[in-house]
N, C-alpha and C. Protein backbone atom coordinates (compact mmCIF):
# COMPACT_ATOMS: atom_id res chain seq x y z
N UNK A 1 21.36 11.16 17.47
CA UNK A 1 21.66 9.75 17.30
C UNK A 1 20.31 8.93 17.36
N UNK A 2 20.18 7.98 16.47
CA UNK A 2 19.01 7.16 16.47
C UNK A 2 19.30 5.76 16.03
N UNK A 3 18.33 4.83 16.42
CA UNK A 3 18.50 3.44 16.02
C UNK A 3 17.14 2.98 15.37
N UNK A 4 17.25 2.27 14.22
CA UNK A 4 16.06 1.86 13.50
C UNK A 4 15.94 0.36 13.74
N UNK A 5 14.80 -0.02 14.21
CA UNK A 5 14.45 -1.38 14.57
C UNK A 5 13.12 -1.80 13.95
N UNK A 6 12.76 -3.06 13.72
CA UNK A 6 11.43 -3.41 13.38
C UNK A 6 10.47 -3.05 14.57
N UNK A 7 9.28 -2.77 14.19
CA UNK A 7 8.34 -2.34 15.25
C UNK A 7 8.21 -3.48 16.22
N UNK A 8 8.11 -2.98 17.54
CA UNK A 8 7.80 -3.95 18.69
C UNK A 8 6.62 -3.40 19.44
N UNK A 9 5.77 -4.24 19.94
CA UNK A 9 4.60 -3.86 20.55
C UNK A 9 4.70 -2.95 21.84
N UNK A 10 5.92 -3.06 22.39
CA UNK A 10 6.13 -2.31 23.56
C UNK A 10 6.28 -0.79 23.24
N UNK A 11 6.48 -0.49 22.01
CA UNK A 11 6.51 0.85 21.52
C UNK A 11 5.32 1.44 20.89
N UNK A 12 4.19 0.73 20.97
CA UNK A 12 2.91 1.04 20.37
C UNK A 12 2.47 2.45 20.63
N UNK A 13 2.26 2.79 21.97
CA UNK A 13 1.75 4.10 22.40
C UNK A 13 2.69 5.15 21.84
N UNK A 14 3.93 5.11 22.04
CA UNK A 14 4.86 6.05 21.54
C UNK A 14 4.86 6.23 20.06
N UNK A 15 4.69 5.09 19.35
CA UNK A 15 4.57 5.17 17.85
C UNK A 15 3.38 6.00 17.44
N UNK A 16 2.30 5.71 18.19
CA UNK A 16 1.07 6.50 17.91
C UNK A 16 1.19 7.97 18.16
N UNK A 17 1.88 8.28 19.28
CA UNK A 17 2.14 9.61 19.61
C UNK A 17 2.97 10.33 18.60
N UNK A 18 4.09 9.56 18.05
CA UNK A 18 4.93 10.06 17.06
C UNK A 18 4.11 10.43 15.76
N UNK A 19 3.31 9.49 15.28
CA UNK A 19 2.50 9.72 14.22
C UNK A 19 1.52 10.86 14.34
N UNK A 20 0.82 10.90 15.50
CA UNK A 20 -0.12 12.07 15.67
C UNK A 20 0.56 13.38 15.69
N UNK A 21 1.67 13.45 16.29
CA UNK A 21 2.55 14.72 16.30
C UNK A 21 2.93 15.11 14.81
N UNK A 22 3.33 14.12 14.08
CA UNK A 22 3.78 14.41 12.68
C UNK A 22 2.62 14.89 11.88
N UNK A 23 1.41 14.23 11.96
CA UNK A 23 0.30 14.66 11.26
C UNK A 23 -0.19 15.95 11.67
N UNK A 24 -0.21 16.29 13.03
CA UNK A 24 -0.54 17.69 13.47
C UNK A 24 0.40 18.73 12.87
N UNK A 25 1.70 18.43 12.80
CA UNK A 25 2.60 19.35 12.26
C UNK A 25 2.33 19.74 10.79
N UNK A 26 1.74 18.71 10.10
CA UNK A 26 1.44 18.83 8.68
C UNK A 26 0.09 19.53 8.49
N UNK A 27 -0.59 20.00 9.51
CA UNK A 27 -1.90 20.64 9.48
C UNK A 27 -3.05 19.71 9.24
N UNK A 28 -2.85 18.43 9.37
CA UNK A 28 -3.91 17.51 9.39
C UNK A 28 -4.58 17.33 10.62
N UNK A 29 -5.94 16.98 10.65
CA UNK A 29 -6.51 16.48 11.85
C UNK A 29 -6.07 15.02 12.15
N UNK A 30 -5.28 14.98 13.19
CA UNK A 30 -4.66 13.62 13.58
C UNK A 30 -5.67 12.58 13.68
N UNK A 31 -5.53 11.45 12.96
CA UNK A 31 -6.36 10.18 13.16
C UNK A 31 -5.51 9.03 12.79
N UNK A 32 -5.95 7.89 13.30
CA UNK A 32 -5.14 6.61 12.95
C UNK A 32 -5.95 5.89 11.99
N UNK A 33 -5.23 5.34 11.03
CA UNK A 33 -5.84 4.50 10.05
C UNK A 33 -5.79 3.03 10.57
N UNK A 34 -6.70 2.15 10.06
CA UNK A 34 -6.84 0.75 10.56
C UNK A 34 -5.51 0.03 10.48
N UNK A 35 -4.69 0.20 9.46
CA UNK A 35 -3.30 -0.47 9.44
C UNK A 35 -2.48 -0.04 10.64
N UNK A 36 -2.62 1.11 11.09
CA UNK A 36 -1.69 1.62 12.06
C UNK A 36 -2.19 1.11 13.47
N UNK A 37 -3.38 0.69 13.56
CA UNK A 37 -3.89 0.13 14.85
C UNK A 37 -3.55 -1.36 14.99
N UNK A 38 -3.14 -1.94 13.80
CA UNK A 38 -2.87 -3.38 13.87
C UNK A 38 -1.51 -3.64 13.05
N UNK A 39 -0.57 -3.19 13.50
CA UNK A 39 0.63 -3.20 12.60
C UNK A 39 1.10 -4.65 12.42
N UNK A 40 1.03 -5.60 13.52
CA UNK A 40 1.44 -6.92 13.28
C UNK A 40 0.63 -7.54 12.18
N UNK A 41 -0.64 -7.40 12.19
CA UNK A 41 -1.53 -7.97 11.19
C UNK A 41 -1.35 -7.31 9.81
N UNK A 42 -1.31 -6.10 9.70
CA UNK A 42 -1.21 -5.44 8.39
C UNK A 42 0.05 -5.40 7.83
N UNK A 43 1.20 -5.62 8.50
CA UNK A 43 2.48 -5.69 7.99
C UNK A 43 3.21 -6.91 8.20
N UNK A 44 3.64 -7.26 9.25
CA UNK A 44 4.40 -8.44 9.47
C UNK A 44 3.65 -9.82 9.09
N UNK A 45 2.42 -9.96 9.49
CA UNK A 45 1.65 -11.17 9.10
C UNK A 45 1.51 -11.39 7.63
N UNK A 46 1.68 -10.21 6.81
CA UNK A 46 1.61 -10.30 5.30
C UNK A 46 2.92 -10.42 4.72
N UNK A 47 3.99 -10.48 5.53
CA UNK A 47 5.36 -10.67 4.98
C UNK A 47 6.00 -9.37 4.67
N UNK A 48 5.42 -8.24 5.23
CA UNK A 48 5.96 -6.90 5.01
C UNK A 48 6.67 -6.47 6.31
N UNK A 49 7.11 -5.27 6.24
CA UNK A 49 7.86 -4.65 7.46
C UNK A 49 7.27 -3.32 7.94
N UNK A 50 7.60 -2.98 9.08
CA UNK A 50 7.25 -1.72 9.74
C UNK A 50 8.46 -1.39 10.68
N UNK A 51 9.14 -0.41 10.41
CA UNK A 51 10.29 -0.03 11.23
C UNK A 51 10.01 1.27 11.95
N UNK A 52 10.65 1.43 13.16
CA UNK A 52 10.46 2.60 13.92
C UNK A 52 11.99 3.05 14.22
N UNK A 53 12.07 4.41 14.41
CA UNK A 53 13.45 4.93 14.74
C UNK A 53 13.31 5.42 16.21
N UNK A 54 14.33 5.04 16.96
CA UNK A 54 14.32 5.35 18.38
C UNK A 54 15.46 6.31 18.68
N UNK A 55 15.22 7.36 19.59
CA UNK A 55 16.32 8.16 19.91
C UNK A 55 17.09 7.54 21.00
N UNK A 56 18.00 8.39 21.59
CA UNK A 56 18.84 7.71 22.67
C UNK A 56 18.15 7.42 23.91
N UNK A 57 16.92 7.94 24.05
CA UNK A 57 16.11 7.71 25.27
C UNK A 57 14.98 6.64 24.98
N UNK A 58 15.17 5.94 23.74
CA UNK A 58 14.28 4.96 23.26
C UNK A 58 12.86 5.49 23.17
N UNK A 59 12.78 6.76 22.69
CA UNK A 59 11.48 7.29 22.32
C UNK A 59 11.38 7.19 20.75
N UNK A 60 10.12 6.92 20.28
CA UNK A 60 9.85 6.76 18.86
C UNK A 60 9.97 8.22 18.17
N UNK A 61 10.84 8.27 17.19
CA UNK A 61 10.99 9.57 16.51
C UNK A 61 10.66 9.51 14.98
N UNK A 62 10.39 8.29 14.50
CA UNK A 62 10.08 8.27 13.03
C UNK A 62 9.59 6.78 12.81
N UNK A 63 9.04 6.51 11.52
CA UNK A 63 8.60 5.29 11.17
C UNK A 63 8.50 5.13 9.71
N UNK A 64 8.41 3.84 9.27
CA UNK A 64 8.09 3.58 7.75
C UNK A 64 7.64 2.15 7.65
N UNK A 65 6.71 1.90 6.78
CA UNK A 65 6.24 0.53 6.52
C UNK A 65 6.30 0.25 5.04
N UNK A 66 6.20 -1.11 4.82
CA UNK A 66 6.04 -1.52 3.33
C UNK A 66 4.87 -2.30 3.06
N UNK A 67 4.33 -2.27 1.92
CA UNK A 67 3.13 -3.08 1.52
C UNK A 67 3.40 -3.60 0.14
N UNK A 68 3.83 -4.92 0.10
CA UNK A 68 4.15 -5.63 -1.22
C UNK A 68 2.94 -5.99 -1.86
N UNK A 69 2.77 -5.49 -3.25
CA UNK A 69 1.63 -5.80 -3.95
C UNK A 69 1.79 -6.88 -5.08
N UNK A 70 3.04 -7.16 -5.46
CA UNK A 70 3.34 -8.23 -6.30
C UNK A 70 4.79 -8.66 -6.14
N UNK A 71 5.18 -9.54 -6.93
CA UNK A 71 6.61 -10.10 -6.79
C UNK A 71 7.68 -8.97 -7.09
N UNK A 72 7.12 -7.93 -7.83
CA UNK A 72 8.16 -6.93 -8.25
C UNK A 72 7.75 -5.40 -7.82
N UNK A 73 6.65 -5.30 -7.09
CA UNK A 73 6.27 -3.93 -6.62
C UNK A 73 5.81 -3.81 -5.19
N UNK A 74 6.19 -2.71 -4.53
CA UNK A 74 5.93 -2.42 -3.30
C UNK A 74 5.53 -0.95 -3.02
N UNK A 75 4.68 -0.83 -2.02
CA UNK A 75 4.26 0.55 -1.64
C UNK A 75 5.01 0.90 -0.34
N UNK A 76 5.42 2.13 -0.17
CA UNK A 76 5.87 2.70 1.12
C UNK A 76 4.69 3.16 1.80
N UNK A 77 4.55 2.96 3.11
CA UNK A 77 3.45 3.37 3.94
C UNK A 77 4.00 4.07 5.26
N UNK A 78 3.42 5.06 5.61
CA UNK A 78 3.51 5.81 6.89
C UNK A 78 4.98 6.31 7.23
N UNK A 79 5.60 6.96 6.28
CA UNK A 79 6.89 7.53 6.55
C UNK A 79 6.57 8.84 7.23
N UNK A 80 6.82 8.93 8.49
CA UNK A 80 6.48 9.98 9.35
C UNK A 80 7.69 10.28 10.26
N UNK A 81 8.00 11.46 10.47
CA UNK A 81 9.13 11.83 11.35
C UNK A 81 8.44 12.85 12.36
N UNK A 82 8.92 12.70 13.61
CA UNK A 82 8.48 13.62 14.66
C UNK A 82 8.98 14.95 14.29
N UNK A 83 8.17 15.99 14.40
CA UNK A 83 8.46 17.32 13.85
C UNK A 83 9.78 17.85 14.26
N UNK A 84 10.15 17.69 15.50
CA UNK A 84 11.39 18.25 16.01
C UNK A 84 12.63 17.54 15.58
N UNK A 85 12.35 16.31 14.94
CA UNK A 85 13.51 15.51 14.49
C UNK A 85 13.81 15.69 12.94
N UNK A 86 13.08 16.44 12.29
CA UNK A 86 13.23 16.59 10.84
C UNK A 86 14.51 17.23 10.51
N UNK A 87 14.98 16.98 9.24
CA UNK A 87 16.14 17.62 8.78
C UNK A 87 17.46 17.11 9.43
N UNK A 88 17.35 15.85 9.93
CA UNK A 88 18.56 15.28 10.66
C UNK A 88 18.97 13.96 9.93
N UNK A 89 18.43 13.68 8.67
CA UNK A 89 18.79 12.47 7.99
C UNK A 89 17.90 11.28 8.38
N UNK A 90 16.93 11.44 9.29
CA UNK A 90 16.14 10.39 9.71
C UNK A 90 15.22 9.74 8.68
N UNK A 91 14.72 10.65 7.92
CA UNK A 91 13.72 10.17 6.76
C UNK A 91 14.61 9.43 5.75
N UNK A 92 15.79 9.90 5.42
CA UNK A 92 16.69 9.20 4.42
C UNK A 92 17.10 7.84 4.95
N UNK A 93 17.43 7.84 6.30
CA UNK A 93 17.84 6.52 6.82
C UNK A 93 16.65 5.53 6.90
N UNK A 94 15.48 5.94 7.21
CA UNK A 94 14.29 5.11 7.25
C UNK A 94 14.06 4.58 5.82
N UNK A 95 14.03 5.49 4.90
CA UNK A 95 13.82 5.10 3.41
C UNK A 95 14.95 4.08 2.97
N UNK A 96 16.19 4.30 3.37
CA UNK A 96 17.27 3.45 2.98
C UNK A 96 17.01 2.02 3.45
N UNK A 97 16.50 1.87 4.71
CA UNK A 97 16.24 0.56 5.26
C UNK A 97 15.07 -0.08 4.38
N UNK A 98 14.09 0.68 4.01
CA UNK A 98 12.92 0.03 3.30
C UNK A 98 13.45 -0.29 1.87
N UNK A 99 14.35 0.53 1.29
CA UNK A 99 14.75 0.18 -0.11
C UNK A 99 15.68 -1.08 -0.05
N UNK A 100 16.53 -1.12 0.95
CA UNK A 100 17.29 -2.33 1.05
C UNK A 100 16.53 -3.62 1.17
N UNK A 101 15.46 -3.52 2.09
CA UNK A 101 14.50 -4.58 2.21
C UNK A 101 13.84 -5.01 0.77
N UNK A 102 13.44 -3.91 0.07
CA UNK A 102 12.81 -4.19 -1.19
C UNK A 102 13.77 -4.95 -2.16
N UNK A 103 14.93 -4.52 -2.13
CA UNK A 103 16.01 -5.19 -3.03
C UNK A 103 16.16 -6.66 -2.66
N UNK A 104 16.23 -6.94 -1.39
CA UNK A 104 16.35 -8.31 -0.93
C UNK A 104 15.13 -9.20 -1.29
N UNK A 105 14.02 -8.49 -1.49
CA UNK A 105 12.70 -9.18 -1.84
C UNK A 105 12.56 -9.34 -3.40
N UNK A 106 13.51 -8.77 -4.07
CA UNK A 106 13.49 -8.82 -5.60
C UNK A 106 12.44 -7.72 -6.20
N UNK A 107 12.11 -6.76 -5.35
CA UNK A 107 11.25 -5.67 -5.83
C UNK A 107 12.06 -4.76 -6.79
N UNK A 108 11.42 -4.32 -7.84
CA UNK A 108 12.03 -3.43 -8.81
C UNK A 108 11.35 -2.10 -8.87
N UNK A 109 10.13 -2.00 -8.32
CA UNK A 109 9.38 -0.71 -8.36
C UNK A 109 8.84 -0.44 -7.01
N UNK A 110 9.14 0.76 -6.55
CA UNK A 110 8.55 1.25 -5.29
C UNK A 110 7.66 2.43 -5.46
N UNK A 111 6.44 2.24 -4.89
CA UNK A 111 5.44 3.29 -5.05
C UNK A 111 5.27 4.11 -3.82
N UNK A 112 4.95 5.40 -3.91
CA UNK A 112 4.49 6.20 -2.72
C UNK A 112 3.33 7.07 -3.16
N UNK A 113 2.61 7.54 -2.30
CA UNK A 113 1.52 8.41 -2.57
C UNK A 113 1.37 9.39 -1.32
N UNK A 114 1.12 10.71 -1.64
CA UNK A 114 0.96 11.58 -0.46
C UNK A 114 0.24 12.86 -1.04
N UNK A 115 -0.40 13.56 -0.03
CA UNK A 115 -1.15 14.72 -0.40
C UNK A 115 -0.38 15.80 -1.03
N UNK A 116 -0.95 16.55 -2.00
CA UNK A 116 -0.28 17.67 -2.46
C UNK A 116 0.28 18.67 -1.44
N UNK A 117 -0.46 18.77 -0.36
CA UNK A 117 -0.05 19.70 0.67
C UNK A 117 1.23 19.23 1.44
N UNK A 118 1.71 18.05 1.24
CA UNK A 118 2.92 17.57 1.96
C UNK A 118 4.17 18.09 1.15
N UNK A 119 4.48 19.34 1.38
CA UNK A 119 5.54 20.04 0.61
C UNK A 119 6.80 19.34 0.75
N UNK A 120 7.14 18.83 2.04
CA UNK A 120 8.33 18.23 2.36
C UNK A 120 8.56 16.93 1.60
N UNK A 121 7.48 16.17 1.42
CA UNK A 121 7.40 14.85 0.71
C UNK A 121 7.70 15.18 -0.81
N UNK A 122 7.16 16.28 -1.30
CA UNK A 122 7.36 16.63 -2.67
C UNK A 122 8.79 16.90 -3.02
N UNK A 123 9.53 17.26 -2.02
CA UNK A 123 10.92 17.54 -2.27
C UNK A 123 11.76 16.23 -1.97
N UNK A 124 11.33 15.54 -0.88
CA UNK A 124 12.12 14.41 -0.41
C UNK A 124 12.16 13.25 -1.49
N UNK A 125 10.95 12.87 -1.90
CA UNK A 125 11.03 11.68 -2.87
C UNK A 125 11.71 11.97 -4.18
N UNK A 126 11.58 13.04 -4.90
CA UNK A 126 12.38 13.27 -6.12
C UNK A 126 13.86 13.19 -5.76
N UNK A 127 14.25 13.71 -4.66
CA UNK A 127 15.66 13.64 -4.28
C UNK A 127 16.12 12.19 -4.06
N UNK A 128 15.26 11.36 -3.83
CA UNK A 128 15.52 9.84 -3.64
C UNK A 128 15.34 9.04 -5.00
N UNK A 129 15.05 9.75 -6.01
CA UNK A 129 14.95 9.14 -7.39
C UNK A 129 13.61 8.83 -7.77
N UNK A 130 12.51 9.21 -7.07
CA UNK A 130 11.17 8.97 -7.44
C UNK A 130 10.73 10.06 -8.50
N UNK A 131 9.84 9.54 -9.37
CA UNK A 131 9.26 10.39 -10.39
C UNK A 131 7.76 10.29 -10.28
N UNK A 132 7.14 11.57 -10.51
CA UNK A 132 5.61 11.57 -10.36
C UNK A 132 4.97 10.88 -11.56
N UNK A 133 3.98 10.01 -11.36
CA UNK A 133 3.27 9.41 -12.42
C UNK A 133 1.91 9.85 -12.64
N UNK A 134 1.22 10.41 -11.51
CA UNK A 134 -0.10 11.04 -11.60
C UNK A 134 -0.36 11.87 -10.45
N UNK A 135 -1.33 12.72 -10.66
CA UNK A 135 -1.99 13.49 -9.59
C UNK A 135 -3.54 13.28 -9.76
N UNK A 136 -4.12 12.92 -8.60
CA UNK A 136 -5.62 12.61 -8.65
C UNK A 136 -6.19 13.00 -7.30
N UNK A 137 -7.09 13.87 -7.38
CA UNK A 137 -7.99 14.33 -6.15
C UNK A 137 -7.03 14.75 -5.07
N UNK A 138 -6.03 15.54 -5.28
CA UNK A 138 -5.17 15.99 -4.18
C UNK A 138 -4.08 15.11 -3.80
N UNK A 139 -3.94 13.92 -4.48
CA UNK A 139 -2.75 13.05 -4.20
C UNK A 139 -1.77 12.95 -5.32
N UNK A 140 -0.56 12.78 -4.92
CA UNK A 140 0.58 12.55 -5.87
C UNK A 140 0.96 11.09 -5.79
N UNK A 141 1.07 10.48 -6.85
CA UNK A 141 1.58 9.15 -7.00
C UNK A 141 2.95 9.27 -7.55
N UNK A 142 4.00 8.60 -6.90
CA UNK A 142 5.37 8.71 -7.44
C UNK A 142 5.88 7.21 -7.37
N UNK A 143 6.79 6.89 -8.36
CA UNK A 143 7.43 5.67 -8.33
C UNK A 143 8.94 5.76 -8.46
N UNK A 144 9.70 4.67 -8.02
CA UNK A 144 11.07 4.65 -8.25
C UNK A 144 11.39 3.17 -8.73
N UNK A 145 12.17 3.14 -9.75
CA UNK A 145 12.72 1.83 -10.34
C UNK A 145 14.00 1.56 -9.54
N UNK A 146 14.21 0.41 -8.95
CA UNK A 146 15.38 0.04 -8.24
C UNK A 146 15.91 -1.23 -8.95
N UNK A 147 17.21 -1.46 -8.67
CA UNK A 147 17.95 -2.65 -9.22
C UNK A 147 17.63 -3.81 -8.20
N UNK A 148 17.34 -5.01 -8.83
CA UNK A 148 17.16 -6.08 -7.99
C UNK A 148 18.55 -6.61 -7.55
N UNK A 149 18.42 -7.33 -6.48
CA UNK A 149 19.64 -7.96 -5.93
C UNK A 149 20.16 -9.09 -6.96
N UNK A 150 21.38 -9.17 -6.96
CA UNK A 150 22.02 -10.27 -7.92
C UNK A 150 21.66 -11.66 -7.22
N UNK A 151 21.24 -12.62 -8.05
CA UNK A 151 20.88 -13.92 -7.51
C UNK A 151 22.11 -14.71 -6.97
């Protein structure tokens, strides 16, 4: 069981732990990007969102953020799931929250990009309707066209 909420500063350390655990499980050397160190500034202050998923013990088990680049386009950022929580519908639930948010903003194209080595992402995004548009220097760029909300 889990609950998805907008990021709150009280969960900062646990969110960092979740991210580092997820990156380690992917075989990456865990590190934190600048946006992750300043979630309020990089997401909320720019009119975007960053959600976290909490388990029944209020521990962070997943996350996803948005980065709006125009009136009609948005990037997904930082969709990570704690390794032991994978394959429980958490990624789908987080993505669904982000897509619903995009629709309310009038977004019609959602972008994502991930390393070729992210085998799970390469299966997850096509299952959600994303199509690959390019590969460049070990990164895959995928997009999904979504329907705008009715005015």
